[in-house]
Amino acid sequence: MALNDALCVLLTGRGESNFADIIKRMVKSKNLEFHMTCLKPAVGPNNQKFGSTMKFKQELLSDLVYTYKHADELRIYEDRPRHVKEFREYFHTFNQTLQLPDTPIPRKPITTEVIQVPEGATSLNPVTEVAEVQRMINSHNNAILDGTASPNLNPLQLTRHVLYTGYILSPPDTDKLIELVQSQHAPSNQIQYLANNVLICPRPAPQHLLDRVGGIGATVRFRLTGLASLENKLWAARVVPVPENTKIFTENTTAMVVLAVRRGAIPREASRIHSWEAVPSERRFEFDATVGEKVLLKVERE
């Protein structure tokens, strides 16, 4: 952005109609400046429709390269590995076409560098996020009540669904356990990493069971003692409470943390594990886990 002889473009496949305002606000909040901010239109300038985000980006970048015919370098920053590959292939072919005698628009080939940047994700504080979603639902419902909303819209509500009750791990301990199985089984897009709880029961726990485990918020310390794999599609860690006479409850026959599952497998298959590989004493680290619920909030019709 600081180069005086460079054209800086923000290019996104987000639709103009739904995202133009929020992207402007995001850019302004970070004090960023672009010469062009380009969002995917419903139809292109020649009344064409784009079949994908990549097709839209490729066509727009091609137009820019032809327009700025004396530019000799193009740098693209992209966070999706598949798009990195497609951009590289596209501009390799693009440059080859420019060297043909019947090239549609004459210009010299352009040096293209596609730089993969790390995918970044930022999460709101859960309480803040829920409050914001509820605010939007209230605004939506009020618009229906006062007649300013489209007549085909329905009132909405935020509903709460408990997926399971368990001893919930902290994110740093989850990351530490995931390292035990990471980078040794399959491409990351085939593996879902979990390592987030020692299961109590796969549903909301009744009050008598919550009382038995100390109630929501109770903390138990666990020690890693074993590792196992089920048919190379599920990986788990066996744990014991510290001290070992601490009373805990789990519907599994063995207290365990499901570390990862391959696509198509489900965590409850871990109950089929009967053989564990002991973990050497120097790797038997301990972690604290807190009794809690995994809650899914859904926006549903009233």
C-alpha atoms as a PDB file:
ATOM      1  CA  MET A   1       0.000   0.000   0.000  1.00  0.00           C
ATOM      2  CA  ALA A   2       2.943   2.307   0.596  1.00  0.00           C
ATOM      3  CA  LEU A   3       4.319   1.958  -2.953  1.00  0.00           C
ATOM      4  CA  ASN A   4       3.556   5.009  -5.061  1.00  0.00           C
ATOM      5  CA  ASP A   5       3.755   3.111  -8.344  1.00  0.00           C
ATOM      6  CA  ALA A   6       1.469   0.217  -7.357  1.00  0.00           C
ATOM      7  CA  LEU A   7      -2.266  -0.205  -7.800  1.00  0.00           C
ATOM      8  CA  CYS A   8      -3.696  -1.782  -4.635  1.00  0.00           C
ATOM      9  CA  VAL A   9      -6.949  -3.709  -5.024  1.00  0.00           C
ATOM     10  CA  LEU A  10      -9.152  -5.415  -2.441  1.00  0.00           C
ATOM     11  CA  LEU A  11     -10.848  -8.269  -4.278  1.00  0.00           C
ATOM     12  CA  THR A  12     -13.441 -10.512  -2.669  1.00  0.00           C
ATOM     13  CA  GLY A  13     -16.085 -12.939  -3.841  1.00  0.00           C
ATOM     14  CA  ARG A  14     -18.562 -11.544  -1.320  1.00  0.00           C
ATOM     15  CA  GLY A  15     -21.682 -10.220  -3.031  1.00  0.00           C
ATOM     16  CA  GLU A  16     -22.054  -6.476  -3.552  1.00  0.00           C
ATOM     17  CA  SER A  17     -25.643  -6.290  -2.340  1.00  0.00           C
ATOM     18  CA  ASN A  18     -25.077  -7.994   1.005  1.00  0.00           C
ATOM     19  CA  PHE A  19     -21.504  -7.140   1.950  1.00  0.00           C
ATOM     20  CA  ALA A  20     -20.528  -3.769   0.467  1.00  0.00           C
ATOM     21  CA  ASP A  21     -21.363  -1.767   3.579  1.00  0.00           C
ATOM     22  CA  ILE A  22     -19.763  -4.097   6.108  1.00  0.00           C
ATOM     23  CA  ILE A  23     -16.551  -4.446   4.067  1.00  0.00           C
ATOM     24  CA  LYS A  24     -16.274  -0.659   3.836  1.00  0.00           C
ATOM     25  CA  ARG A  25     -16.616  -0.452   7.608  1.00  0.00           C
ATOM     26  CA  MET A  26     -14.036  -3.216   8.145  1.00  0.00           C
ATOM     27  CA  VAL A  27     -11.515  -1.472   5.902  1.00  0.00           C
ATOM     28  CA  LYS A  28     -12.116   1.869   7.595  1.00  0.00           C
ATOM     29  CA  SER A  29     -11.780   0.354  11.090  1.00  0.00           C
ATOM     30  CA  LYS A  30      -8.259  -0.858  10.211  1.00  0.00           C
ATOM     31  CA  ASN A  31      -7.280   2.423   8.490  1.00  0.00           C
ATOM     32  CA  LEU A  32      -6.626   0.605   5.221  1.00  0.00           C
ATOM     33  CA  GLU A  33      -6.633   2.352   1.866  1.00  0.00           C
ATOM     34  CA  PHE A  34      -7.237   0.685  -1.482  1.00  0.00           C
ATOM     35  CA  HIS A  35      -7.387   2.221  -4.933  1.00  0.00           C
ATOM     36  CA  MET A  36     -10.182  -0.210  -5.757  1.00  0.00           C
ATOM     37  CA  THR A  37     -12.526  -2.298  -3.622  1.00  0.00           C
ATOM     38  CA  CYS A  38     -14.178  -4.961  -5.759  1.00  0.00           C
ATOM     39  CA  LEU A  39     -17.023  -7.224  -4.680  1.00  0.00           C
ATOM     40  CA  LYS A  40     -18.745  -9.859  -6.768  1.00  0.00           C
ATOM     41  CA  PRO A  41     -21.712  -8.319  -8.635  1.00  0.00           C
ATOM     42  CA  ALA A  42     -24.957 -10.110  -9.426  1.00  0.00           C
ATOM     43  CA  VAL A  43     -24.078  -9.640 -13.115  1.00  0.00           C
ATOM     44  CA  GLY A  44     -20.932  -8.345 -14.784  1.00  0.00           C
ATOM     45  CA  PRO A  45     -20.570  -5.235 -16.960  1.00  0.00           C
ATOM     46  CA  ASN A  46     -21.335  -7.315 -20.058  1.00  0.00           C
ATOM     47  CA  ASN A  47     -24.408  -8.835 -18.384  1.00  0.00           C
ATOM     48  CA  GLN A  48     -22.452 -12.014 -17.670  1.00  0.00           C
ATOM     49  CA  LYS A  49     -22.958 -14.187 -14.598  1.00  0.00           C
ATOM     50  CA  PHE A  50     -19.954 -15.642 -12.805  1.00  0.00           C
ATOM     51  CA  GLY A  51     -20.116 -19.349 -12.017  1.00  0.00           C
ATOM     52  CA  SER A  52     -17.743 -19.089  -9.070  1.00  0.00           C
ATOM     53  CA  THR A  53     -15.714 -16.680  -6.990  1.00  0.00           C
ATOM     54  CA  MET A  54     -12.567 -17.771  -8.814  1.00  0.00           C
ATOM     55  CA  LYS A  55     -14.071 -17.081 -12.254  1.00  0.00           C
ATOM     56  CA  PHE A  56     -15.033 -13.589 -11.127  1.00  0.00           C
ATOM     57  CA  LYS A  57     -11.581 -12.864  -9.708  1.00  0.00           C
ATOM     58  CA  GLN A  58      -9.772 -14.224 -12.739  1.00  0.00           C
ATOM     59  CA  GLU A  59     -11.831 -12.136 -15.162  1.00  0.00           C
ATOM     60  CA  LEU A  60     -11.442  -8.954 -13.154  1.00  0.00           C
ATOM     61  CA  LEU A  61      -7.686  -9.416 -12.750  1.00  0.00           C
ATOM     62  CA  SER A  62      -7.334 -10.118 -16.455  1.00  0.00           C
ATOM     63  CA  ASP A  63      -9.121  -6.857 -17.244  1.00  0.00           C
ATOM     64  CA  LEU A  64      -6.798  -4.997 -14.883  1.00  0.00           C
ATOM     65  CA  VAL A  65      -3.693  -6.527 -16.463  1.00  0.00           C
ATOM     66  CA  TYR A  66      -4.906  -5.581 -19.953  1.00  0.00           C
ATOM     67  CA  THR A  67      -5.875  -2.074 -18.805  1.00  0.00           C
ATOM     68  CA  TYR A  68      -2.520  -1.378 -17.122  1.00  0.00           C
ATOM     69  CA  LYS A  69      -0.589  -2.740 -20.090  1.00  0.00           C
ATOM     70  CA  HIS A  70       2.762  -1.360 -18.965  1.00  0.00           C
ATOM     71  CA  ALA A  71       2.622  -3.026 -15.543  1.00  0.00           C
ATOM     72  CA  ASP A  72       5.256  -5.757 -15.301  1.00  0.00           C
ATOM     73  CA  GLU A  73       4.476  -7.388 -11.944  1.00  0.00           C
ATOM     74  CA  LEU A  74       1.354  -8.787 -10.275  1.00  0.00           C
ATOM     75  CA  ARG A  75       1.239  -9.956  -6.676  1.00  0.00           C
ATOM     76  CA  ILE A  76      -1.781 -11.809  -5.327  1.00  0.00           C
ATOM     77  CA  TYR A  77      -2.214 -12.523  -1.617  1.00  0.00           C
ATOM     78  CA  GLU A  78      -4.564 -15.460  -1.042  1.00  0.00           C
ATOM     79  CA  ASP A  79      -5.390 -17.537   2.040  1.00  0.00           C
ATOM     80  CA  ARG A  80      -7.072 -20.551   0.433  1.00  0.00           C
ATOM     81  CA  PRO A  81      -4.603 -23.181  -0.821  1.00  0.00           C
ATOM     82  CA  ARG A  82      -6.880 -24.279  -3.663  1.00  0.00           C
ATOM     83  CA  HIS A  83      -7.216 -20.700  -4.918  1.00  0.00           C
ATOM     84  CA  VAL A  84      -3.452 -20.207  -4.669  1.00  0.00           C
ATOM     85  CA  LYS A  85      -2.989 -23.171  -7.007  1.00  0.00           C
ATOM     86  CA  GLU A  86      -5.712 -21.992  -9.405  1.00  0.00           C
ATOM     87  CA  PHE A  87      -4.317 -18.456  -9.619  1.00  0.00           C
ATOM     88  CA  ARG A  88      -0.840 -19.784 -10.400  1.00  0.00           C
ATOM     89  CA  GLU A  89      -2.158 -22.092 -13.108  1.00  0.00           C
ATOM     90  CA  TYR A  90      -4.397 -19.396 -14.577  1.00  0.00           C
ATOM     91  CA  PHE A  91      -1.664 -16.775 -14.981  1.00  0.00           C
ATOM     92  CA  HIS A  92       0.797 -19.355 -16.293  1.00  0.00           C
ATOM     93  CA  THR A  93      -1.675 -20.068 -19.098  1.00  0.00           C
ATOM     94  CA  PHE A  94      -2.482 -16.354 -19.398  1.00  0.00           C
ATOM     95  CA  ASN A  95       1.167 -15.506 -20.067  1.00  0.00           C
ATOM     96  CA  GLN A  96       1.476 -18.318 -22.579  1.00  0.00           C
ATOM     97  CA  THR A  97      -1.524 -16.912 -24.455  1.00  0.00           C
ATOM     98  CA  LEU A  98       0.087 -13.465 -24.575  1.00  0.00           C
ATOM     99  CA  GLN A  99       3.014 -14.924 -26.532  1.00  0.00           C
ATOM    100  CA  LEU A 100       0.818 -16.353 -29.300  1.00  0.00           C
ATOM    101  CA  PRO A 101       0.721 -14.465 -32.618  1.00  0.00           C
ATOM    102  CA  ASP A 102      -3.077 -14.156 -32.471  1.00  0.00           C
ATOM    103  CA  THR A 103      -3.312 -13.040 -28.822  1.00  0.00           C
ATOM    104  CA  PRO A 104      -6.587 -11.100 -28.350  1.00  0.00           C
ATOM    105  CA  ILE A 105      -4.960  -8.029 -26.744  1.00  0.00           C
ATOM    106  CA  PRO A 106      -1.237  -7.491 -27.228  1.00  0.00           C
ATOM    107  CA  ARG A 107       0.878  -6.886 -24.125  1.00  0.00           C
ATOM    108  CA  LYS A 108       4.036  -8.354 -22.684  1.00  0.00           C
ATOM    109  CA  PRO A 109       3.789 -11.244 -20.176  1.00  0.00           C
ATOM    110  CA  ILE A 110       3.461 -10.170 -16.581  1.00  0.00           C
ATOM    111  CA  THR A 111       5.510 -11.626 -13.740  1.00  0.00           C
ATOM    112  CA  THR A 112       2.964 -13.087 -11.341  1.00  0.00           C
ATOM    113  CA  GLU A 113       3.605 -14.095  -7.749  1.00  0.00           C
ATOM    114  CA  VAL A 114       0.806 -15.723  -5.748  1.00  0.00           C
ATOM    115  CA  ILE A 115       1.576 -15.541  -2.043  1.00  0.00           C
ATOM    116  CA  GLN A 116      -0.266 -17.845   0.326  1.00  0.00           C
ATOM    117  CA  VAL A 117      -1.033 -16.120   3.598  1.00  0.00           C
ATOM    118  CA  PRO A 118      -2.140 -17.918   6.787  1.00  0.00           C
ATOM    119  CA  GLU A 119      -5.857 -18.297   7.245  1.00  0.00           C
ATOM    120  CA  GLY A 120      -6.887 -16.148  10.179  1.00  0.00           C
ATOM    121  CA  ALA A 121     -10.020 -16.409  12.254  1.00  0.00           C
ATOM    122  CA  THR A 122     -11.195 -14.165  15.027  1.00  0.00           C
ATOM    123  CA  SER A 123     -14.005 -15.091  17.380  1.00  0.00           C
ATOM    124  CA  LEU A 124     -16.135 -12.780  19.419  1.00  0.00           C
ATOM    125  CA  ASN A 125     -16.492 -13.343  23.129  1.00  0.00           C
ATOM    126  CA  PRO A 126     -19.366 -15.896  23.266  1.00  0.00           C
ATOM    127  CA  VAL A 127     -21.530 -13.670  25.455  1.00  0.00           C
ATOM    128  CA  THR A 128     -20.994 -10.719  23.108  1.00  0.00           C
ATOM    129  CA  GLU A 129     -21.727 -12.876  20.058  1.00  0.00           C
ATOM    130  CA  VAL A 130     -24.988 -14.250  21.478  1.00  0.00           C
ATOM    131  CA  ALA A 131     -26.092 -10.753  22.499  1.00  0.00           C
ATOM    132  CA  GLU A 132     -25.403  -9.439  18.989  1.00  0.00           C
ATOM    133  CA  VAL A 133     -27.333 -12.276  17.351  1.00  0.00           C
ATOM    134  CA  GLN A 134     -30.240 -11.706  19.729  1.00  0.00           C
ATOM    135  CA  ARG A 135     -30.162  -7.986  18.896  1.00  0.00           C
ATOM    136  CA  MET A 136     -30.455  -8.776  15.183  1.00  0.00           C
ATOM    137  CA  ILE A 137     -33.326 -11.192  15.829  1.00  0.00           C
ATOM    138  CA  ASN A 138     -35.133  -8.543  17.877  1.00  0.00           C
ATOM    139  CA  SER A 139     -34.656  -6.007  15.100  1.00  0.00           C
ATOM    140  CA  HIS A 140     -35.986  -8.513  12.553  1.00  0.00           C
ATOM    141  CA  ASN A 141     -39.042  -9.348  14.667  1.00  0.00           C
ATOM    142  CA  ASN A 142     -39.779  -5.686  15.385  1.00  0.00           C
ATOM    143  CA  ALA A 143     -39.714  -4.941  11.661  1.00  0.00           C
ATOM    144  CA  ILE A 144     -42.335  -7.657  11.149  1.00  0.00           C
ATOM    145  CA  LEU A 145     -44.516  -6.254  13.928  1.00  0.00           C
ATOM    146  CA  ASP A 146     -44.417  -2.682  12.664  1.00  0.00           C
ATOM    147  CA  GLY A 147     -45.021  -3.706   9.050  1.00  0.00           C
ATOM    148  CA  THR A 148     -41.712  -2.532   7.573  1.00  0.00           C
ATOM    149  CA  ALA A 149     -40.419  -6.040   6.788  1.00  0.00           C
ATOM    150  CA  SER A 150     -41.171  -8.061   3.681  1.00  0.00           C
ATOM    151  CA  PRO A 151     -44.580  -9.791   4.076  1.00  0.00           C
ATOM    152  CA  ASN A 152     -43.109 -13.254   3.418  1.00  0.00           C
ATOM    153  CA  LEU A 153     -40.765 -13.142   6.452  1.00  0.00           C
ATOM    154  CA  ASN A 154     -41.433 -15.038   9.676  1.00  0.00           C
ATOM    155  CA  PRO A 155     -40.558 -14.169  13.288  1.00  0.00           C
ATOM    156  CA  LEU A 156     -37.388 -15.860  14.526  1.00  0.00           C
ATOM    157  CA  GLN A 157     -36.051 -17.040  17.857  1.00  0.00           C
ATOM    158  CA  LEU A 158     -32.757 -18.243  19.295  1.00  0.00           C
ATOM    159  CA  THR A 159     -33.014 -21.807  20.594  1.00  0.00           C
ATOM    160  CA  ARG A 160     -30.565 -23.717  22.778  1.00  0.00           C
ATOM    161  CA  HIS A 161     -29.593 -27.354  22.124  1.00  0.00           C
ATOM    162  CA  VAL A 162     -27.215 -29.235  24.447  1.00  0.00           C
ATOM    163  CA  LEU A 163     -25.105 -31.700  22.446  1.00  0.00           C
ATOM    164  CA  TYR A 164     -23.297 -33.280  25.386  1.00  0.00           C
ATOM    165  CA  THR A 165     -22.209 -32.812  28.978  1.00  0.00           C
ATOM    166  CA  GLY A 166     -18.554 -33.355  29.757  1.00  0.00           C
ATOM    167  CA  TYR A 167     -15.376 -32.296  31.475  1.00  0.00           C
ATOM    168  CA  ILE A 168     -14.423 -29.478  29.098  1.00  0.00           C
ATOM    169  CA  LEU A 169     -10.757 -28.811  28.297  1.00  0.00           C
ATOM    170  CA  SER A 170      -9.203 -25.376  27.883  1.00  0.00           C
ATOM    171  CA  PRO A 171      -8.025 -24.416  24.356  1.00  0.00           C
ATOM    172  CA  PRO A 172      -4.293 -24.647  25.239  1.00  0.00           C
ATOM    173  CA  ASP A 173      -4.754 -28.199  26.579  1.00  0.00           C
ATOM    174  CA  THR A 174      -6.815 -29.103  23.503  1.00  0.00           C
ATOM    175  CA  ASP A 175      -3.944 -27.911  21.292  1.00  0.00           C
ATOM    176  CA  LYS A 176      -1.448 -29.925  23.325  1.00  0.00           C
ATOM    177  CA  LEU A 177      -3.463 -33.119  22.915  1.00  0.00           C
ATOM    178  CA  ILE A 178      -4.040 -32.531  19.193  1.00  0.00           C
ATOM    179  CA  GLU A 179      -0.266 -32.438  18.717  1.00  0.00           C
ATOM    180  CA  LEU A 180      -0.218 -36.127  19.690  1.00  0.00           C
ATOM    181  CA  VAL A 181      -2.002 -37.109  16.468  1.00  0.00           C
ATOM    182  CA  GLN A 182      -1.347 -34.203  14.130  1.00  0.00           C
ATOM    183  CA  SER A 183       0.688 -34.521  10.935  1.00  0.00           C
ATOM    184  CA  GLN A 184       0.928 -38.302  10.931  1.00  0.00           C
ATOM    185  CA  HIS A 185      -2.307 -39.710   9.547  1.00  0.00           C
ATOM    186  CA  ALA A 186      -4.038 -37.983   6.641  1.00  0.00           C
ATOM    187  CA  PRO A 187      -4.470 -34.617   4.906  1.00  0.00           C
ATOM    188  CA  SER A 188      -6.013 -32.076   7.279  1.00  0.00           C
ATOM    189  CA  ASN A 189      -9.156 -31.778   5.165  1.00  0.00           C
ATOM    190  CA  GLN A 190      -9.906 -35.455   5.901  1.00  0.00           C
ATOM    191  CA  ILE A 191      -9.413 -35.202   9.661  1.00  0.00           C
ATOM    192  CA  GLN A 192     -11.512 -33.378  12.242  1.00  0.00           C
ATOM    193  CA  TYR A 193      -9.502 -32.595  15.357  1.00  0.00           C
ATOM    194  CA  LEU A 194     -11.478 -32.575  18.619  1.00  0.00           C
ATOM    195  CA  ALA A 195      -9.636 -33.145  21.928  1.00  0.00           C
ATOM    196  CA  ASN A 196     -12.073 -30.907  23.783  1.00  0.00           C
ATOM    197  CA  ASN A 197     -13.750 -33.005  26.483  1.00  0.00           C
ATOM    198  CA  VAL A 198     -13.919 -36.108  28.627  1.00  0.00           C
ATOM    199  CA  LEU A 199     -17.483 -37.226  27.984  1.00  0.00           C
ATOM    200  CA  ILE A 200     -19.970 -37.478  30.837  1.00  0.00           C
ATOM    201  CA  CYS A 201     -23.056 -38.162  28.701  1.00  0.00           C
ATOM    202  CA  PRO A 202     -24.069 -37.325  25.089  1.00  0.00           C
ATOM    203  CA  ARG A 203     -27.048 -35.144  26.116  1.00  0.00           C
ATOM    204  CA  PRO A 204     -28.068 -32.698  28.839  1.00  0.00           C
ATOM    205  CA  ALA A 205     -27.200 -34.326  32.166  1.00  0.00           C
ATOM    206  CA  PRO A 206     -30.087 -34.706  34.615  1.00  0.00           C
ATOM    207  CA  GLN A 207     -29.733 -32.834  37.886  1.00  0.00           C
ATOM    208  CA  HIS A 208     -28.892 -35.922  39.939  1.00  0.00           C
ATOM    209  CA  LEU A 209     -25.966 -36.652  37.596  1.00  0.00           C
ATOM    210  CA  LEU A 210     -24.771 -33.043  37.738  1.00  0.00           C
ATOM    211  CA  ASP A 211     -24.876 -33.249  41.531  1.00  0.00           C
ATOM    212  CA  ARG A 212     -22.827 -36.441  41.348  1.00  0.00           C
ATOM    213  CA  VAL A 213     -20.012 -34.772  39.371  1.00  0.00           C
ATOM    214  CA  GLY A 214     -20.007 -31.580  41.434  1.00  0.00           C
ATOM    215  CA  GLY A 215     -22.268 -29.452  39.236  1.00  0.00           C
ATOM    216  CA  ILE A 216     -21.592 -27.164  36.288  1.00  0.00           C
ATOM    217  CA  GLY A 217     -18.256 -25.434  36.840  1.00  0.00           C
ATOM    218  CA  ALA A 218     -16.662 -28.147  38.967  1.00  0.00           C
ATOM    219  CA  THR A 219     -13.019 -28.777  38.045  1.00  0.00           C
ATOM    220  CA  VAL A 220     -11.255 -32.135  37.822  1.00  0.00           C
ATOM    221  CA  ARG A 221      -7.602 -32.761  37.083  1.00  0.00           C
ATOM    222  CA  PHE A 222      -6.752 -35.575  34.662  1.00  0.00           C
ATOM    223  CA  ARG A 223      -3.553 -37.356  33.652  1.00  0.00           C
ATOM    224  CA  LEU A 224      -2.867 -38.831  30.200  1.00  0.00           C
ATOM    225  CA  THR A 225      -2.052 -42.556  30.461  1.00  0.00           C
ATOM    226  CA  GLY A 226      -2.682 -44.152  27.071  1.00  0.00           C
ATOM    227  CA  LEU A 227      -3.294 -43.668  23.346  1.00  0.00           C
ATOM    228  CA  ALA A 228      -5.276 -45.719  20.849  1.00  0.00           C
ATOM    229  CA  SER A 229      -6.437 -45.745  17.261  1.00  0.00           C
ATOM    230  CA  LEU A 230      -9.585 -47.403  15.936  1.00  0.00           C
ATOM    231  CA  GLU A 231      -9.169 -48.720  12.390  1.00  0.00           C
ATOM    232  CA  ASN A 232      -7.077 -45.668  11.482  1.00  0.00           C
ATOM    233  CA  LYS A 233     -10.208 -43.520  11.524  1.00  0.00           C
ATOM    234  CA  LEU A 234     -10.479 -42.430  15.165  1.00  0.00           C
ATOM    235  CA  TRP A 235      -7.817 -41.514  17.716  1.00  0.00           C
ATOM    236  CA  ALA A 236      -8.282 -41.206  21.471  1.00  0.00           C
ATOM    237  CA  ALA A 237      -6.367 -40.627  24.691  1.00  0.00           C
ATOM    238  CA  ARG A 238      -7.071 -42.558  27.895  1.00  0.00           C
ATOM    239  CA  VAL A 239      -7.068 -40.460  31.059  1.00  0.00           C
ATOM    240  CA  VAL A 240      -7.417 -40.965  34.813  1.00  0.00           C
ATOM    241  CA  PRO A 241      -8.372 -38.419  37.464  1.00  0.00           C
ATOM    242  CA  VAL A 242      -5.724 -36.961  39.769  1.00  0.00           C
ATOM    243  CA  PRO A 243      -5.642 -38.243  42.435  1.00  0.00           C
ATOM    244  CA  GLU A 244      -6.936 -41.531  41.027  1.00  0.00           C
ATOM    245  CA  ASN A 245      -9.493 -41.980  43.806  1.00  0.00           C
ATOM    246  CA  THR A 246     -11.302 -38.793  42.691  1.00  0.00           C
ATOM    247  CA  LYS A 247     -14.900 -39.691  41.864  1.00  0.00           C
ATOM    248  CA  ILE A 248     -15.819 -38.972  38.260  1.00  0.00           C
ATOM    249  CA  PHE A 249     -18.561 -40.219  35.947  1.00  0.00           C
ATOM    250  CA  THR A 250     -18.520 -41.152  32.279  1.00  0.00           C
ATOM    251  CA  GLU A 251     -20.906 -43.268  30.223  1.00  0.00           C
ATOM    252  CA  ASN A 252     -17.884 -44.681  28.401  1.00  0.00           C
ATOM    253  CA  THR A 253     -16.293 -47.759  29.921  1.00  0.00           C
ATOM    254  CA  THR A 254     -13.004 -45.833  30.036  1.00  0.00           C
ATOM    255  CA  ALA A 255     -12.472 -42.137  30.702  1.00  0.00           C
ATOM    256  CA  MET A 256     -11.046 -40.791  27.453  1.00  0.00           C
ATOM    257  CA  VAL A 257     -10.623 -37.782  25.202  1.00  0.00           C
ATOM    258  CA  VAL A 258     -11.471 -38.345  21.544  1.00  0.00           C
ATOM    259  CA  LEU A 259      -8.587 -36.616  19.782  1.00  0.00           C
ATOM    260  CA  ALA A 260      -9.599 -36.793  16.124  1.00  0.00           C
ATOM    261  CA  VAL A 261     -11.873 -38.555  13.659  1.00  0.00           C
ATOM    262  CA  ARG A 262     -11.468 -39.194   9.978  1.00  0.00           C
ATOM    263  CA  ARG A 263     -14.239 -37.995   7.694  1.00  0.00           C
ATOM    264  CA  GLY A 264     -17.190 -40.398   8.027  1.00  0.00           C
ATOM    265  CA  ALA A 265     -16.319 -41.537  11.566  1.00  0.00           C
ATOM    266  CA  ILE A 266     -18.160 -40.367  14.677  1.00  0.00           C
ATOM    267  CA  PRO A 267     -16.803 -39.831  18.212  1.00  0.00           C
ATOM    268  CA  ARG A 268     -19.090 -42.378  19.892  1.00  0.00           C
ATOM    269  CA  GLU A 269     -17.279 -45.158  18.013  1.00  0.00           C
ATOM    270  CA  ALA A 270     -14.499 -44.653  20.563  1.00  0.00           C
ATOM    271  CA  SER A 271     -16.450 -47.003  22.850  1.00  0.00           C
ATOM    272  CA  ARG A 272     -15.189 -49.846  20.635  1.00  0.00           C
ATOM    273  CA  ILE A 273     -11.589 -49.251  21.697  1.00  0.00           C
ATOM    274  CA  HIS A 274     -10.405 -52.006  24.042  1.00  0.00           C
ATOM    275  CA  SER A 275      -6.636 -51.913  23.632  1.00  0.00           C
ATOM    276  CA  TRP A 276      -4.490 -48.950  24.665  1.00  0.00           C
ATOM    277  CA  GLU A 277      -0.815 -48.182  24.190  1.00  0.00           C
ATOM    278  CA  ALA A 278       0.703 -46.965  27.447  1.00  0.00           C
ATOM    279  CA  VAL A 279       2.205 -43.490  27.386  1.00  0.00           C
ATOM    280  CA  PRO A 280       5.757 -43.202  28.771  1.00  0.00           C
ATOM    281  CA  SER A 281       5.883 -41.511  32.167  1.00  0.00           C
ATOM    282  CA  GLU A 282       7.686 -38.444  30.792  1.00  0.00           C
ATOM    283  CA  ARG A 283       4.751 -37.789  28.399  1.00  0.00           C
ATOM    284  CA  ARG A 284       1.987 -38.281  30.949  1.00  0.00           C
ATOM    285  CA  PHE A 285       1.079 -34.637  31.289  1.00  0.00           C
ATOM    286  CA  GLU A 286      -1.833 -33.429  33.385  1.00  0.00           C
ATOM    287  CA  PHE A 287      -4.603 -30.956  32.622  1.00  0.00           C
ATOM    288  CA  ASP A 288      -7.657 -29.460  34.306  1.00  0.00           C
ATOM    289  CA  ALA A 289     -11.153 -29.860  32.864  1.00  0.00           C
ATOM    290  CA  THR A 290     -14.385 -28.180  33.920  1.00  0.00           C
ATOM    291  CA  VAL A 291     -17.834 -29.739  34.029  1.00  0.00           C
ATOM    292  CA  GLY A 292     -19.909 -28.033  31.358  1.00  0.00           C
ATOM    293  CA  GLU A 293     -22.179 -28.430  28.373  1.00  0.00           C
ATOM    294  CA  LYS A 294     -21.488 -28.190  24.659  1.00  0.00           C
ATOM    295  CA  VAL A 295     -24.320 -25.950  23.514  1.00  0.00           C
ATOM    296  CA  LEU A 296     -25.469 -25.305  19.960  1.00  0.00           C
ATOM    297  CA  LEU A 297     -27.543 -22.170  19.447  1.00  0.00           C
ATOM    298  CA  LYS A 298     -29.834 -22.132  16.428  1.00  0.00           C
ATOM    299  CA  VAL A 299     -31.828 -19.359  14.811  1.00  0.00           C
ATOM    300  CA  GLU A 300     -35.218 -20.919  14.091  1.00  0.00           C
ATOM    301  CA  ARG A 301     -38.721 -19.859  13.142  1.00  0.00           C
ATOM    302  CA  GLU A 302     -40.930 -19.080  16.126  1.00  0.00           C
END
